[in-house]
Structure formats: C-alpha cells, structure tokens
Amino acid sequence: MQEPNYSQPIYSLLDMLGDIEDPRIDRKKLYPLEEILFLMVCAVMSGLQE
C-alpha cells in the first residue's frame, strides 16, 4: 500500500469555491458565497430539476 503524500495541499470543494470573488455589496451578504455555491452544487448532484 502506498503512503499518502502530505507535502502537497489538499483543497476541498469549499476551499475552491471560496476562491471565487464575491461581487455582492458587503452589507447585503447574509451568507458566504462559497456556502451558497456549495448548496447549489449539492442540489445539482442530487438531481434537482427545477
């Protein structure tokens, strides 16, 4: 069995989505953009149609 390589960073989906710039006005941000996008990805993966 091969040993895991811990020298390279491991990025989660939330980390990748967090790199996207949020164009919204700061005072109107109720939820972080990466969390909204994560929920959208989960919805599509679970088969959301509409």
PDB file of N, CA and C in Angstrom:
ATOM      1  N   MET A   1       0.839  -1.181   0.000  1.00  0.00           N
ATOM      2  CA  MET A   1       0.000   0.000   0.000  1.00  0.00           C
ATOM      3  C   MET A   1       0.884   1.245   0.000  1.00  0.00           C
ATOM      4  N   GLN A   2       0.519   2.240  -0.801  1.00  0.00           N
ATOM      5  CA  GLN A   2       1.321   3.448  -0.946  1.00  0.00           C
ATOM      6  C   GLN A   2       1.004   4.447   0.171  1.00  0.00           C
ATOM      7  N   GLU A   3       2.058   5.069   0.687  1.00  0.00           N
ATOM      8  CA  GLU A   3       1.893   6.081   1.735  1.00  0.00           C
ATOM      9  C   GLU A   3       1.310   7.363   1.128  1.00  0.00           C
ATOM     10  N   PRO A   4       0.402   8.048   1.829  1.00  0.00           N
ATOM     11  CA  PRO A   4      -0.139   9.314   1.308  1.00  0.00           C
ATOM     12  C   PRO A   4       0.938  10.385   1.282  1.00  0.00           C
ATOM     13  N   ASN A   5       0.845  11.270   0.301  1.00  0.00           N
ATOM     14  CA  ASN A   5       1.795  12.370   0.164  1.00  0.00           C
ATOM     15  C   ASN A   5       1.212  13.606   0.839  1.00  0.00           C
ATOM     16  N   TYR A   6       1.720  13.928   2.013  1.00  0.00           N
ATOM     17  CA  TYR A   6       1.205  15.072   2.767  1.00  0.00           C
ATOM     18  C   TYR A   6       1.918  16.378   2.432  1.00  0.00           C
ATOM     19  N   SER A   7       2.861  16.347   1.497  1.00  0.00           N
ATOM     20  CA  SER A   7       3.605  17.562   1.168  1.00  0.00           C
ATOM     21  C   SER A   7       2.827  18.480   0.233  1.00  0.00           C
ATOM     22  N   GLN A   8       1.808  17.954  -0.443  1.00  0.00           N
ATOM     23  CA  GLN A   8       1.017  18.779  -1.343  1.00  0.00           C
ATOM     24  C   GLN A   8      -0.300  19.143  -0.670  1.00  0.00           C
ATOM     25  N   PRO A   9      -0.750  20.396  -0.879  1.00  0.00           N
ATOM     26  CA  PRO A   9      -2.009  20.813  -0.236  1.00  0.00           C
ATOM     27  C   PRO A   9      -3.213  20.075  -0.817  1.00  0.00           C
ATOM     28  N   ILE A  10      -4.158  19.811   0.031  1.00  0.00           N
ATOM     29  CA  ILE A  10      -5.402  19.177  -0.385  1.00  0.00           C
ATOM     30  C   ILE A  10      -6.504  20.229  -0.249  1.00  0.00           C
ATOM     31  N   TYR A  11      -7.184  20.493  -1.346  1.00  0.00           N
ATOM     32  CA  TYR A  11      -8.225  21.512  -1.337  1.00  0.00           C
ATOM     33  C   TYR A  11      -9.594  20.843  -1.354  1.00  0.00           C
ATOM     34  N   SER A  12     -10.460  21.306  -0.518  1.00  0.00           N
ATOM     35  CA  SER A  12     -11.825  20.806  -0.525  1.00  0.00           C
ATOM     36  C   SER A  12     -12.647  21.637  -1.503  1.00  0.00           C
ATOM     37  N   LEU A  13     -13.824  21.188  -1.774  1.00  0.00           N
ATOM     38  CA  LEU A  13     -14.713  21.933  -2.660  1.00  0.00           C
ATOM     39  C   LEU A  13     -14.993  23.317  -2.084  1.00  0.00           C
ATOM     40  N   LEU A  14     -15.191  23.404  -0.783  1.00  0.00           N
ATOM     41  CA  LEU A  14     -15.436  24.712  -0.163  1.00  0.00           C
ATOM     42  C   LEU A  14     -14.238  25.640  -0.315  1.00  0.00           C
ATOM     43  N   ASP A  15     -13.024  25.090  -0.231  1.00  0.00           N
ATOM     44  CA  ASP A  15     -11.830  25.913  -0.433  1.00  0.00           C
ATOM     45  C   ASP A  15     -11.802  26.472  -1.851  1.00  0.00           C
ATOM     46  N   MET A  16     -12.113  25.627  -2.824  1.00  0.00           N
ATOM     47  CA  MET A  16     -12.106  26.073  -4.214  1.00  0.00           C
ATOM     48  C   MET A  16     -13.198  27.110  -4.471  1.00  0.00           C
ATOM     49  N   LEU A  17     -14.377  26.879  -3.913  1.00  0.00           N
ATOM     50  CA  LEU A  17     -15.467  27.835  -4.101  1.00  0.00           C
ATOM     51  C   LEU A  17     -15.170  29.150  -3.377  1.00  0.00           C
ATOM     52  N   GLY A  18     -14.407  29.073  -2.286  1.00  0.00           N
ATOM     53  CA  GLY A  18     -14.035  30.273  -1.542  1.00  0.00           C
ATOM     54  C   GLY A  18     -13.080  31.172  -2.291  1.00  0.00           C
ATOM     55  N   ASP A  19     -12.434  30.640  -3.337  1.00  0.00           N
ATOM     56  CA  ASP A  19     -11.521  31.442  -4.150  1.00  0.00           C
ATOM     57  C   ASP A  19     -12.254  32.322  -5.152  1.00  0.00           C
ATOM     58  N   ILE A  20     -13.551  32.097  -5.333  1.00  0.00           N
ATOM     59  CA  ILE A  20     -14.344  32.895  -6.271  1.00  0.00           C
ATOM     60  C   ILE A  20     -14.671  34.234  -5.630  1.00  0.00           C
ATOM     61  N   GLU A  21     -14.437  35.301  -6.389  1.00  0.00           N
ATOM     62  CA  GLU A  21     -14.698  36.649  -5.867  1.00  0.00           C
ATOM     63  C   GLU A  21     -16.201  36.880  -5.729  1.00  0.00           C
ATOM     64  N   ASP A  22     -16.594  37.441  -4.606  1.00  0.00           N
ATOM     65  CA  ASP A  22     -17.999  37.717  -4.325  1.00  0.00           C
ATOM     66  C   ASP A  22     -18.322  39.148  -4.766  1.00  0.00           C
ATOM     67  N   PRO A  23     -19.161  39.322  -5.810  1.00  0.00           N
ATOM     68  CA  PRO A  23     -19.457  40.661  -6.311  1.00  0.00           C
ATOM     69  C   PRO A  23     -20.540  41.410  -5.528  1.00  0.00           C
ATOM     70  N   ARG A  24     -21.099  40.765  -4.508  1.00  0.00           N
ATOM     71  CA  ARG A  24     -22.199  41.400  -3.771  1.00  0.00           C
ATOM     72  C   ARG A  24     -21.697  42.514  -2.870  1.00  0.00           C
ATOM     73  N   ILE A  25     -22.601  43.418  -2.528  1.00  0.00           N
ATOM     74  CA  ILE A  25     -22.303  44.507  -1.596  1.00  0.00           C
ATOM     75  C   ILE A  25     -22.159  43.907  -0.201  1.00  0.00           C
ATOM     76  N   ASP A  26     -21.122  44.329   0.533  1.00  0.00           N
ATOM     77  CA  ASP A  26     -20.819  43.738   1.840  1.00  0.00           C
ATOM     78  C   ASP A  26     -22.008  43.756   2.797  1.00  0.00           C
ATOM     79  N   ARG A  27     -22.726  44.841   2.851  1.00  0.00           N
ATOM     80  CA  ARG A  27     -23.815  44.935   3.838  1.00  0.00           C
ATOM     81  C   ARG A  27     -25.007  44.054   3.486  1.00  0.00           C
ATOM     82  N   LYS A  28     -25.044  43.514   2.282  1.00  0.00           N
ATOM     83  CA  LYS A  28     -26.159  42.660   1.866  1.00  0.00           C
ATOM     84  C   LYS A  28     -25.804  41.178   1.899  1.00  0.00           C
ATOM     85  N   LYS A  29     -24.652  40.846   2.429  1.00  0.00           N
ATOM     86  CA  LYS A  29     -24.219  39.454   2.476  1.00  0.00           C
ATOM     87  C   LYS A  29     -24.728  38.794   3.751  1.00  0.00           C
ATOM     88  N   LEU A  30     -25.740  37.963   3.607  1.00  0.00           N
ATOM     89  CA  LEU A  30     -26.267  37.230   4.754  1.00  0.00           C
ATOM     90  C   LEU A  30     -25.524  35.907   4.922  1.00  0.00           C
ATOM     91  N   TYR A  31     -25.174  35.282   3.785  1.00  0.00           N
ATOM     92  CA  TYR A  31     -24.452  34.007   3.799  1.00  0.00           C
ATOM     93  C   TYR A  31     -23.214  34.132   2.918  1.00  0.00           C
ATOM     94  N   PRO A  32     -22.142  33.431   3.282  1.00  0.00           N
ATOM     95  CA  PRO A  32     -20.937  33.457   2.447  1.00  0.00           C
ATOM     96  C   PRO A  32     -21.213  32.840   1.069  1.00  0.00           C
ATOM     97  N   LEU A  33     -20.618  33.418   0.041  1.00  0.00           N
ATOM     98  CA  LEU A  33     -20.841  32.950  -1.325  1.00  0.00           C
ATOM     99  C   LEU A  33     -20.466  31.488  -1.495  1.00  0.00           C
ATOM    100  N   GLU A  34     -19.363  31.044  -0.886  1.00  0.00           N
ATOM    101  CA  GLU A  34     -18.945  29.653  -1.067  1.00  0.00           C
ATOM    102  C   GLU A  34     -19.976  28.670  -0.514  1.00  0.00           C
ATOM    103  N   GLU A  35     -20.696  29.061   0.538  1.00  0.00           N
ATOM    104  CA  GLU A  35     -21.734  28.186   1.085  1.00  0.00           C
ATOM    105  C   GLU A  35     -22.947  28.120   0.162  1.00  0.00           C
ATOM    106  N   ILE A  36     -23.304  29.236  -0.453  1.00  0.00           N
ATOM    107  CA  ILE A  36     -24.418  29.259  -1.408  1.00  0.00           C
ATOM    108  C   ILE A  36     -24.081  28.399  -2.615  1.00  0.00           C
ATOM    109  N   LEU A  37     -22.866  28.561  -3.136  1.00  0.00           N
ATOM    110  CA  LEU A  37     -22.448  27.774  -4.291  1.00  0.00           C
ATOM    111  C   LEU A  37     -22.360  26.289  -3.953  1.00  0.00           C
ATOM    112  N   PHE A  38     -21.896  25.979  -2.750  1.00  0.00           N
ATOM    113  CA  PHE A  38     -21.813  24.586  -2.317  1.00  0.00           C
ATOM    114  C   PHE A  38     -23.202  23.943  -2.285  1.00  0.00           C
ATOM    115  N   LEU A  39     -24.185  24.656  -1.767  1.00  0.00           N
ATOM    116  CA  LEU A  39     -25.555  24.131  -1.742  1.00  0.00           C
ATOM    117  C   LEU A  39     -26.096  23.925  -3.151  1.00  0.00           C
ATOM    118  N   MET A  40     -25.730  24.824  -4.070  1.00  0.00           N
ATOM    119  CA  MET A  40     -26.165  24.677  -5.457  1.00  0.00           C
ATOM    120  C   MET A  40     -25.540  23.437  -6.090  1.00  0.00           C
ATOM    121  N   VAL A  41     -24.261  23.200  -5.833  1.00  0.00           N
ATOM    122  CA  VAL A  41     -23.587  22.009  -6.359  1.00  0.00           C
ATOM    123  C   VAL A  41     -24.247  20.751  -5.799  1.00  0.00           C
ATOM    124  N   CYS A  42     -24.529  20.745  -4.508  1.00  0.00           N
ATOM    125  CA  CYS A  42     -25.182  19.585  -3.888  1.00  0.00           C
ATOM    126  C   CYS A  42     -26.564  19.337  -4.490  1.00  0.00           C
ATOM    127  N   ALA A  43     -27.308  20.397  -4.748  1.00  0.00           N
ATOM    128  CA  ALA A  43     -28.643  20.264  -5.326  1.00  0.00           C
ATOM    129  C   ALA A  43     -28.574  19.659  -6.721  1.00  0.00           C
ATOM    130  N   VAL A  44     -27.636  20.116  -7.523  1.00  0.00           N
ATOM    131  CA  VAL A  44     -27.498  19.588  -8.879  1.00  0.00           C
ATOM    132  C   VAL A  44     -27.055  18.134  -8.835  1.00  0.00           C
ATOM    133  N   MET A  45     -26.134  17.817  -7.952  1.00  0.00           N
ATOM    134  CA  MET A  45     -25.647  16.433  -7.858  1.00  0.00           C
ATOM    135  C   MET A  45     -26.733  15.482  -7.365  1.00  0.00           C
ATOM    136  N   SER A  46     -27.678  15.994  -6.584  1.00  0.00           N
ATOM    137  CA  SER A  46     -28.741  15.132  -6.064  1.00  0.00           C
ATOM    138  C   SER A  46     -29.916  15.021  -7.027  1.00  0.00           C
ATOM    139  N   GLY A  47     -29.824  15.711  -8.168  1.00  0.00           N
ATOM    140  CA  GLY A  47     -30.843  15.546  -9.186  1.00  0.00           C
ATOM    141  C   GLY A  47     -31.908  16.618  -9.227  1.00  0.00           C
ATOM    142  N   LEU A  48     -31.652  17.778  -8.661  1.00  0.00           N
ATOM    143  CA  LEU A  48     -32.629  18.870  -8.702  1.00  0.00           C
ATOM    144  C   LEU A  48     -32.978  19.193 -10.146  1.00  0.00           C
ATOM    145  N   GLN A  49     -34.250  19.268 -10.447  1.00  0.00           N
ATOM    146  CA  GLN A  49     -34.707  19.519 -11.818  1.00  0.00           C
ATOM    147  C   GLN A  49     -35.121  20.975 -12.026  1.00  0.00           C
ATOM    148  N   GLU A  50     -35.739  21.588 -11.059  1.00  0.00           N
ATOM    149  CA  GLU A  50     -36.237  22.953 -11.210  1.00  0.00           C
ATOM    150  C   GLU A  50     -35.867  23.802 -10.030  1.00  0.00           C
TER     151      GLU A  50
END
